[in-house]
PDB file of N, CA and C in Angstrom:
ATOM      1  N   MET A   1       0.881  -1.087  -0.749  1.00  0.00           N
ATOM      2  CA  MET A   1       0.272  -0.028  -0.250  1.00  0.00           C
ATOM      3  C   MET A   1       0.695   0.977   0.435  1.00  0.00           C
ATOM      4  N   LYS A   2       0.336   2.589  -0.598  1.00  0.00           N
ATOM      5  CA  LYS A   2       0.975   3.128  -0.617  1.00  0.00           C
ATOM      6  C   LYS A   2       0.863   4.541   1.250  1.00  0.00           C
ATOM      7  N   VAL A   3       1.883   4.815   2.062  1.00  0.00           N
ATOM      8  CA  VAL A   3       2.192   5.208   2.949  1.00  0.00           C
ATOM      9  C   VAL A   3       2.842   6.412   2.253  1.00  0.00           C
ATOM     10  N   LEU A   4       1.939   8.036   2.881  1.00  0.00           N
ATOM     11  CA  LEU A   4       1.967   8.980   2.811  1.00  0.00           C
ATOM     12  C   LEU A   4       3.366   9.711   4.373  1.00  0.00           C
ATOM     13  N   ILE A   5       4.751  10.363   3.927  1.00  0.00           N
ATOM     14  CA  ILE A   5       5.348  10.476   4.648  1.00  0.00           C
ATOM     15  C   ILE A   5       5.517  11.739   5.206  1.00  0.00           C
ATOM     16  N   PRO A   6       5.534  12.559   6.358  1.00  0.00           N
ATOM     17  CA  PRO A   6       5.382  13.501   6.150  1.00  0.00           C
ATOM     18  C   PRO A   6       7.041  14.494   6.174  1.00  0.00           C
ATOM     19  N   SER A   7       7.172  16.010   5.955  1.00  0.00           N
ATOM     20  CA  SER A   7       8.436  15.672   5.730  1.00  0.00           C
ATOM     21  C   SER A   7       9.785  15.797   6.312  1.00  0.00           C
ATOM     22  N   PRO A   8       9.103  15.605   7.356  1.00  0.00           N
ATOM     23  CA  PRO A   8      10.301  16.124   8.923  1.00  0.00           C
ATOM     24  C   PRO A   8      10.406  14.414   9.502  1.00  0.00           C
ATOM     25  N   LEU A   9      10.210  13.240   8.409  1.00  0.00           N
ATOM     26  CA  LEU A   9      10.384  12.123   8.491  1.00  0.00           C
ATOM     27  C   LEU A   9      11.153  11.494   7.262  1.00  0.00           C
ATOM     28  N   PHE A  10      11.849  13.022   5.955  1.00  0.00           N
ATOM     29  CA  PHE A  10      11.951  12.439   4.620  1.00  0.00           C
ATOM     30  C   PHE A  10      13.622  11.891   5.615  1.00  0.00           C
ATOM     31  N   SER A  11      14.236  12.473   5.803  1.00  0.00           N
ATOM     32  CA  SER A  11      15.409  11.345   6.115  1.00  0.00           C
ATOM     33  C   SER A  11      15.745  10.469   6.323  1.00  0.00           C
ATOM     34  N   TYR A  12      14.585   9.574   6.923  1.00  0.00           N
ATOM     35  CA  TYR A  12      14.298   8.217   7.066  1.00  0.00           C
ATOM     36  C   TYR A  12      14.495   7.551   5.400  1.00  0.00           C
ATOM     37  N   THR A  13      13.443   7.969   4.371  1.00  0.00           N
ATOM     38  CA  THR A  13      13.014   7.652   3.267  1.00  0.00           C
ATOM     39  C   THR A  13      14.305   7.614   2.226  1.00  0.00           C
ATOM     40  N   GLY A  14      14.503   8.727   2.497  1.00  0.00           N
ATOM     41  CA  GLY A  14      15.593   8.942   1.809  1.00  0.00           C
ATOM     42  C   GLY A  14      15.091   9.666   0.764  1.00  0.00           C
ATOM     43  N   GLY A  15      14.507  11.391   1.366  1.00  0.00           N
ATOM     44  CA  GLY A  15      13.741  12.456   0.579  1.00  0.00           C
ATOM     45  C   GLY A  15      12.553  11.919   0.142  1.00  0.00           C
ATOM     46  N   ARG A  16      12.174  10.786  -0.166  1.00  0.00           N
ATOM     47  CA  ARG A  16      10.322  10.248  -0.822  1.00  0.00           C
ATOM     48  C   ARG A  16       9.464  10.702   0.529  1.00  0.00           C
ATOM     49  N   LYS A  17       8.485  11.402  -0.173  1.00  0.00           N
ATOM     50  CA  LYS A  17       7.220  11.699   0.051  1.00  0.00           C
ATOM     51  C   LYS A  17       6.306  10.376   0.112  1.00  0.00           C
ATOM     52  N   ALA A  18       6.128   9.544  -0.236  1.00  0.00           N
ATOM     53  CA  ALA A  18       5.390   8.503  -0.619  1.00  0.00           C
ATOM     54  C   ALA A  18       6.284   7.334  -0.743  1.00  0.00           C
ATOM     55  N   VAL A  19       5.703   6.557  -0.076  1.00  0.00           N
ATOM     56  CA  VAL A  19       6.566   5.078  -0.138  1.00  0.00           C
ATOM     57  C   VAL A  19       6.013   3.373   0.431  1.00  0.00           C
ATOM     58  N   GLU A  20       5.881   2.522  -0.187  1.00  0.00           N
ATOM     59  CA  GLU A  20       5.278   1.661   0.375  1.00  0.00           C
ATOM     60  C   GLU A  20       5.348   0.353   1.378  1.00  0.00           C
ATOM     61  N   ALA A  21       4.381   0.279   1.327  1.00  0.00           N
ATOM     62  CA  ALA A  21       4.585  -1.269   3.030  1.00  0.00           C
ATOM     63  C   ALA A  21       3.127  -1.715   2.853  1.00  0.00           C
ATOM     64  N   GLU A  22       3.615  -3.119   3.237  1.00  0.00           N
ATOM     65  CA  GLU A  22       2.127  -3.996   3.304  1.00  0.00           C
ATOM     66  C   GLU A  22       2.084  -4.067   4.426  1.00  0.00           C
ATOM     67  N   GLY A  23       0.846  -5.590   5.177  1.00  0.00           N
ATOM     68  CA  GLY A  23       0.434  -5.858   6.634  1.00  0.00           C
ATOM     69  C   GLY A  23      -1.506  -4.985   6.051  1.00  0.00           C
ATOM     70  N   ARG A  24      -2.010  -5.850   7.375  1.00  0.00           N
ATOM     71  CA  ARG A  24      -3.713  -6.195   7.157  1.00  0.00           C
ATOM     72  C   ARG A  24      -4.086  -5.131   8.719  1.00  0.00           C
ATOM     73  N   THR A  25      -2.844  -4.165   9.287  1.00  0.00           N
ATOM     74  CA  THR A  25      -3.513  -3.881  10.295  1.00  0.00           C
ATOM     75  C   THR A  25      -2.453  -2.078  10.447  1.00  0.00           C
ATOM     76  N   LEU A  26      -2.409  -1.015  10.796  1.00  0.00           N
ATOM     77  CA  LEU A  26      -1.209   0.160  11.085  1.00  0.00           C
ATOM     78  C   LEU A  26      -0.106  -0.597  11.406  1.00  0.00           C
ATOM     79  N   GLU A  27      -0.607  -0.817  12.431  1.00  0.00           N
ATOM     80  CA  GLU A  27       0.442  -1.921  13.330  1.00  0.00           C
ATOM     81  C   GLU A  27       1.755  -2.526  12.395  1.00  0.00           C
ATOM     82  N   GLU A  28       1.305  -3.059  11.683  1.00  0.00           N
ATOM     83  CA  GLU A  28       2.366  -4.104  11.107  1.00  0.00           C
ATOM     84  C   GLU A  28       3.208  -2.810   9.809  1.00  0.00           C
ATOM     85  N   VAL A  29       1.562  -2.061   9.318  1.00  0.00           N
ATOM     86  CA  VAL A  29       2.675  -1.251   8.058  1.00  0.00           C
ATOM     87  C   VAL A  29       3.587  -0.778   8.842  1.00  0.00           C
ATOM     88  N   THR A  30       2.820  -0.106  10.269  1.00  0.00           N
ATOM     89  CA  THR A  30       4.721   0.532  10.522  1.00  0.00           C
ATOM     90  C   THR A  30       6.036  -0.559  10.821  1.00  0.00           C
ATOM     91  N   ARG A  31       5.590  -1.607  11.293  1.00  0.00           N
ATOM     92  CA  ARG A  31       7.086  -2.578  11.698  1.00  0.00           C
ATOM     93  C   ARG A  31       7.581  -2.735   9.956  1.00  0.00           C
ATOM     94  N   SER A  32       6.517  -2.594   9.377  1.00  0.00           N
ATOM     95  CA  SER A  32       6.596  -3.244   7.564  1.00  0.00           C
ATOM     96  C   SER A  32       7.622  -1.770   7.064  1.00  0.00           C
ATOM     97  N   LEU A  33       7.233  -0.804   7.130  1.00  0.00           N
ATOM     98  CA  LEU A  33       8.374   0.652   7.230  1.00  0.00           C
ATOM     99  C   LEU A  33       8.931   0.779   7.669  1.00  0.00           C
ATOM    100  N   ASP A  34       9.548   0.106   9.641  1.00  0.00           N
ATOM    101  CA  ASP A  34      10.654  -0.369   9.869  1.00  0.00           C
ATOM    102  C   ASP A  34      11.377  -0.563   9.329  1.00  0.00           C
ATOM    103  N   ARG A  35      11.446  -2.039   8.719  1.00  0.00           N
ATOM    104  CA  ARG A  35      11.740  -2.832   8.130  1.00  0.00           C
ATOM    105  C   ARG A  35      13.192  -2.048   6.435  1.00  0.00           C
ATOM    106  N   SER A  36      11.583  -0.982   5.997  1.00  0.00           N
ATOM    107  CA  SER A  36      12.501  -0.702   5.352  1.00  0.00           C
ATOM    108  C   SER A  36      13.792   0.301   4.989  1.00  0.00           C
ATOM    109  N   PHE A  37      12.370   1.308   6.302  1.00  0.00           N
ATOM    110  CA  PHE A  37      13.943   2.511   6.569  1.00  0.00           C
ATOM    111  C   PHE A  37      13.525   2.424   7.830  1.00  0.00           C
ATOM    112  N   PRO A  38      14.479   1.919   8.954  1.00  0.00           N
ATOM    113  CA  PRO A  38      15.196   1.373  10.073  1.00  0.00           C
ATOM    114  C   PRO A  38      15.298   3.194  10.806  1.00  0.00           C
ATOM    115  N   GLY A  39      14.330   3.214  11.843  1.00  0.00           N
ATOM    116  CA  GLY A  39      14.373   4.231  12.623  1.00  0.00           C
ATOM    117  C   GLY A  39      13.186   5.356  13.249  1.00  0.00           C
ATOM    118  N   LEU A  40      12.660   5.152  11.800  1.00  0.00           N
ATOM    119  CA  LEU A  40      10.658   5.875  11.012  1.00  0.00           C
ATOM    120  C   LEU A  40       9.829   4.888  11.984  1.00  0.00           C
ATOM    121  N   ARG A  41       9.805   3.712  12.693  1.00  0.00           N
ATOM    122  CA  ARG A  41       8.814   3.341  13.747  1.00  0.00           C
ATOM    123  C   ARG A  41       8.868   3.800  14.666  1.00  0.00           C
ATOM    124  N   PHE A  42      10.215   4.284  14.921  1.00  0.00           N
ATOM    125  CA  PHE A  42      10.423   4.806  16.501  1.00  0.00           C
ATOM    126  C   PHE A  42       9.235   6.591  16.629  1.00  0.00           C
ATOM    127  N   ARG A  43       9.573   7.202  15.561  1.00  0.00           N
ATOM    128  CA  ARG A  43       9.064   8.338  15.528  1.00  0.00           C
ATOM    129  C   ARG A  43       7.966   8.565  15.436  1.00  0.00           C
ATOM    130  N   VAL A  44       7.724   7.354  14.796  1.00  0.00           N
ATOM    131  CA  VAL A  44       5.626   7.486  15.011  1.00  0.00           C
ATOM    132  C   VAL A  44       5.097   6.685  15.922  1.00  0.00           C
ATOM    133  N   VAL A  45       6.025   5.582  16.757  1.00  0.00           N
ATOM    134  CA  VAL A  45       5.296   4.756  17.547  1.00  0.00           C
ATOM    135  C   VAL A  45       6.019   4.882  18.950  1.00  0.00           C
ATOM    136  N   ASP A  46       5.953   4.644  20.683  1.00  0.00           N
ATOM    137  CA  ASP A  46       6.767   4.911  21.618  1.00  0.00           C
ATOM    138  C   ASP A  46       6.562   4.060  22.181  1.00  0.00           C
ATOM    139  N   GLU A  47       7.709   3.389  23.142  1.00  0.00           N
ATOM    140  CA  GLU A  47       7.852   2.483  23.897  1.00  0.00           C
ATOM    141  C   GLU A  47       6.342   1.987  24.048  1.00  0.00           C
ATOM    142  N   GLN A  48       5.283   2.351  24.396  1.00  0.00           N
ATOM    143  CA  GLN A  48       4.819   0.844  25.251  1.00  0.00           C
ATOM    144  C   GLN A  48       3.780   1.120  24.041  1.00  0.00           C
ATOM    145  N   GLY A  49       3.866   1.329  22.825  1.00  0.00           N
ATOM    146  CA  GLY A  49       2.698   0.774  21.431  1.00  0.00           C
ATOM    147  C   GLY A  49       2.246   1.848  20.761  1.00  0.00           C
ATOM    148  N   ARG A  50       2.040   3.370  21.722  1.00  0.00           N
ATOM    149  CA  ARG A  50       1.253   3.638  20.800  1.00  0.00           C
ATOM    150  C   ARG A  50       1.591   4.750  20.218  1.00  0.00           C
ATOM    151  N   ILE A  51       0.341   5.320  19.756  1.00  0.00           N
ATOM    152  CA  ILE A  51       0.773   6.595  18.623  1.00  0.00           C
ATOM    153  C   ILE A  51       1.392   7.531  19.096  1.00  0.00           C
ATOM    154  N   ARG A  52       2.702   8.132  18.980  1.00  0.00           N
ATOM    155  CA  ARG A  52       2.938   9.379  19.598  1.00  0.00           C
ATOM    156  C   ARG A  52       2.045  10.242  19.662  1.00  0.00           C
ATOM    157  N   PRO A  53       2.164  11.425  19.877  1.00  0.00           N
ATOM    158  CA  PRO A  53       0.821  12.660  20.962  1.00  0.00           C
ATOM    159  C   PRO A  53       0.623  13.761  19.171  1.00  0.00           C
ATOM    160  N   HIS A  54       1.619  13.354  18.630  1.00  0.00           N
ATOM    161  CA  HIS A  54       2.505  14.829  18.259  1.00  0.00           C
ATOM    162  C   HIS A  54       1.956  14.151  16.744  1.00  0.00           C
ATOM    163  N   ILE A  55       2.092  12.406  16.266  1.00  0.00           N
ATOM    164  CA  ILE A  55       1.431  11.319  15.031  1.00  0.00           C
ATOM    165  C   ILE A  55       0.004  11.705  15.022  1.00  0.00           C
ATOM    166  N   LYS A  56      -0.056  11.831  13.869  1.00  0.00           N
ATOM    167  CA  LYS A  56      -1.790  11.733  12.698  1.00  0.00           C
ATOM    168  C   LYS A  56      -1.794  10.291  12.134  1.00  0.00           C
ATOM    169  N   PHE A  57      -2.458   8.980  12.121  1.00  0.00           N
ATOM    170  CA  PHE A  57      -1.956   8.820  11.548  1.00  0.00           C
ATOM    171  C   PHE A  57      -3.283   8.783  10.454  1.00  0.00           C
ATOM    172  N   PHE A  58      -4.221   8.720   8.824  1.00  0.00           N
ATOM    173  CA  PHE A  58      -4.780   8.602   8.137  1.00  0.00           C
ATOM    174  C   PHE A  58      -5.351   7.900   7.579  1.00  0.00           C
ATOM    175  N   VAL A  59      -6.134   6.641   7.330  1.00  0.00           N
ATOM    176  CA  VAL A  59      -6.454   5.915   5.783  1.00  0.00           C
ATOM    177  C   VAL A  59      -7.016   6.206   5.213  1.00  0.00           C
ATOM    178  N   ASN A  60      -7.242   6.444   4.494  1.00  0.00           N
ATOM    179  CA  ASN A  60      -7.270   6.856   3.094  1.00  0.00           C
ATOM    180  C   ASN A  60      -8.876   7.991   3.195  1.00  0.00           C
ATOM    181  N   ARG A  61      -8.062   9.001   4.118  1.00  0.00           N
ATOM    182  CA  ARG A  61      -8.542  10.179   4.382  1.00  0.00           C
ATOM    183  C   ARG A  61      -8.929  10.072   5.810  1.00  0.00           C
ATOM    184  N   VAL A  62      -9.222   9.345   6.529  1.00  0.00           N
ATOM    185  CA  VAL A  62     -10.399   9.022   7.706  1.00  0.00           C
ATOM    186  C   VAL A  62      -8.724   8.836   8.983  1.00  0.00           C
ATOM    187  N   GLN A  63      -9.208   9.707   9.700  1.00  0.00           N
ATOM    188  CA  GLN A  63      -7.943   9.907  10.766  1.00  0.00           C
ATOM    189  C   GLN A  63      -8.724   9.026  11.712  1.00  0.00           C
ATOM    190  N   THR A  64      -6.920   7.885  12.385  1.00  0.00           N
ATOM    191  CA  THR A  64      -7.601   6.487  13.079  1.00  0.00           C
ATOM    192  C   THR A  64      -6.584   6.695  14.145  1.00  0.00           C
ATOM    193  N   PHE A  65      -6.630   6.029  15.662  1.00  0.00           N
ATOM    194  CA  PHE A  65      -6.366   6.594  16.954  1.00  0.00           C
ATOM    195  C   PHE A  65      -5.907   5.294  16.898  1.00  0.00           C
ATOM    196  N   GLU A  66      -6.197   3.761  16.098  1.00  0.00           N
ATOM    197  CA  GLU A  66      -5.212   3.004  16.448  1.00  0.00           C
ATOM    198  C   GLU A  66      -4.687   1.432  16.148  1.00  0.00           C
ATOM    199  N   LEU A  67      -3.502   1.370  16.322  1.00  0.00           N
ATOM    200  CA  LEU A  67      -2.502   0.782  14.952  1.00  0.00           C
ATOM    201  C   LEU A  67      -2.907  -0.628  14.910  1.00  0.00           C
ATOM    202  N   SER A  68      -4.480  -0.906  16.224  1.00  0.00           N
ATOM    203  CA  SER A  68      -4.851  -2.579  15.303  1.00  0.00           C
ATOM    204  C   SER A  68      -5.937  -1.912  14.263  1.00  0.00           C
ATOM    205  N   THR A  69      -5.963  -0.462  13.581  1.00  0.00           N
ATOM    206  CA  THR A  69      -6.815  -0.485  12.315  1.00  0.00           C
ATOM    207  C   THR A  69      -6.617  -1.009  11.131  1.00  0.00           C
ATOM    208  N   PRO A  70      -7.412  -2.072  10.999  1.00  0.00           N
ATOM    209  CA  PRO A  70      -7.806  -2.750  10.208  1.00  0.00           C
ATOM    210  C   PRO A  70      -6.773  -1.899   8.198  1.00  0.00           C
ATOM    211  N   VAL A  71      -6.083  -2.339   7.488  1.00  0.00           N
ATOM    212  CA  VAL A  71      -6.096  -1.761   6.370  1.00  0.00           C
ATOM    213  C   VAL A  71      -5.837  -2.621   5.355  1.00  0.00           C
ATOM    214  N   GLY A  72      -5.825  -2.601   3.892  1.00  0.00           N
ATOM    215  CA  GLY A  72      -5.612  -3.462   2.557  1.00  0.00           C
ATOM    216  C   GLY A  72      -4.911  -2.713   1.931  1.00  0.00           C
ATOM    217  N   PRO A  73      -4.357  -3.775   0.522  1.00  0.00           N
ATOM    218  CA  PRO A  73      -3.437  -3.358   0.301  1.00  0.00           C
ATOM    219  C   PRO A  73      -3.899  -2.002  -0.611  1.00  0.00           C
ATOM    220  N   ALA A  74      -4.711  -1.868  -1.407  1.00  0.00           N
ATOM    221  CA  ALA A  74      -5.143  -0.238  -2.081  1.00  0.00           C
ATOM    222  C   ALA A  74      -5.854   0.405  -1.096  1.00  0.00           C
ATOM    223  N   ASP A  75      -5.609   0.922   0.030  1.00  0.00           N
ATOM    224  CA  ASP A  75      -5.928   1.291   0.893  1.00  0.00           C
ATOM    225  C   ASP A  75      -4.264   2.426   0.751  1.00  0.00           C
ATOM    226  N   GLU A  76      -4.943   3.939   1.018  1.00  0.00           N
ATOM    227  CA  GLU A  76      -3.466   4.584   1.411  1.00  0.00           C
ATOM    228  C   GLU A  76      -3.485   4.995   2.765  1.00  0.00           C
ATOM    229  N   VAL A  77      -2.460   5.762   3.302  1.00  0.00           N
ATOM    230  CA  VAL A  77      -1.616   5.393   4.917  1.00  0.00           C
ATOM    231  C   VAL A  77      -1.442   7.359   4.943  1.00  0.00           C
ATOM    232  N   ALA A  78      -1.642   7.705   5.596  1.00  0.00           N
ATOM    233  CA  ALA A  78      -0.928   8.707   5.919  1.00  0.00           C
ATOM    234  C   ALA A  78      -0.556   9.394   6.892  1.00  0.00           C
ATOM    235  N   ILE A  79       0.700   9.292   7.305  1.00  0.00           N
ATOM    236  CA  ILE A  79       1.809   9.839   8.008  1.00  0.00           C
ATOM    237  C   ILE A  79       1.206  11.440   8.225  1.00  0.00           C
ATOM    238  N   VAL A  80       1.053  12.469   9.717  1.00  0.00           N
ATOM    239  CA  VAL A  80       0.761  13.713   9.852  1.00  0.00           C
ATOM    240  C   VAL A  80       1.512  13.881  11.169  1.00  0.00           C
ATOM    241  N   ASN A  81       2.852  15.082  10.783  1.00  0.00           N
ATOM    242  CA  ASN A  81       3.472  15.346  11.742  1.00  0.00           C
ATOM    243  C   ASN A  81       2.956  16.722  12.194  1.00  0.00           C
ATOM    244  N   ALA A  82       2.186  16.467  13.404  1.00  0.00           N
ATOM    245  CA  ALA A  82       1.329  17.231  14.162  1.00  0.00           C
ATOM    246  C   ALA A  82       2.281  19.031  13.868  1.00  0.00           C
ATOM    247  N   PHE A  83       1.706  20.005  14.235  1.00  0.00           N
ATOM    248  CA  PHE A  83       2.577  21.093  14.501  1.00  0.00           C
ATOM    249  C   PHE A  83       2.602  22.096  15.457  1.00  0.00           C
ATOM    250  N   SER A  84       3.269  22.538  16.819  1.00  0.00           N
ATOM    251  CA  SER A  84       2.665  23.260  17.779  1.00  0.00           C
ATOM    252  C   SER A  84       3.515  24.410  17.443  1.00  0.00           C
ATOM    253  N   GLY A  85       3.522  25.143  18.224  1.00  0.00           N
ATOM    254  CA  GLY A  85       3.839  26.759  18.836  1.00  0.00           C
ATOM    255  C   GLY A  85       2.904  28.066  18.886  1.00  0.00           C
ATOM    256  N   GLY A  86       3.633  29.635  19.272  1.00  0.00           N
ATOM    257  CA  GLY A  86       3.009  30.468  19.352  1.00  0.00           C
ATOM    258  C   GLY A  86       2.809  31.122  18.835  1.00  0.00           C
TER     259      GLY A  86
END
């Protein structure tokens, strides 16, 4: 499936905005991404296996909050890095 990568993570993907990954859940997709792009998963999933607070996942443009969310090969996953500041 196609995974859209936010610009703060381009250093892990060699500057690519979109990459391919496999999996039946977001959990499996993040592990697939980490096999191809070591270190990327740690930037989006914490040590307790939860999505980091500043990261948002969208499956086919619908935000999801659980790594157990099912996905299919034709789906598009977008990882969005939230901005903060004042």
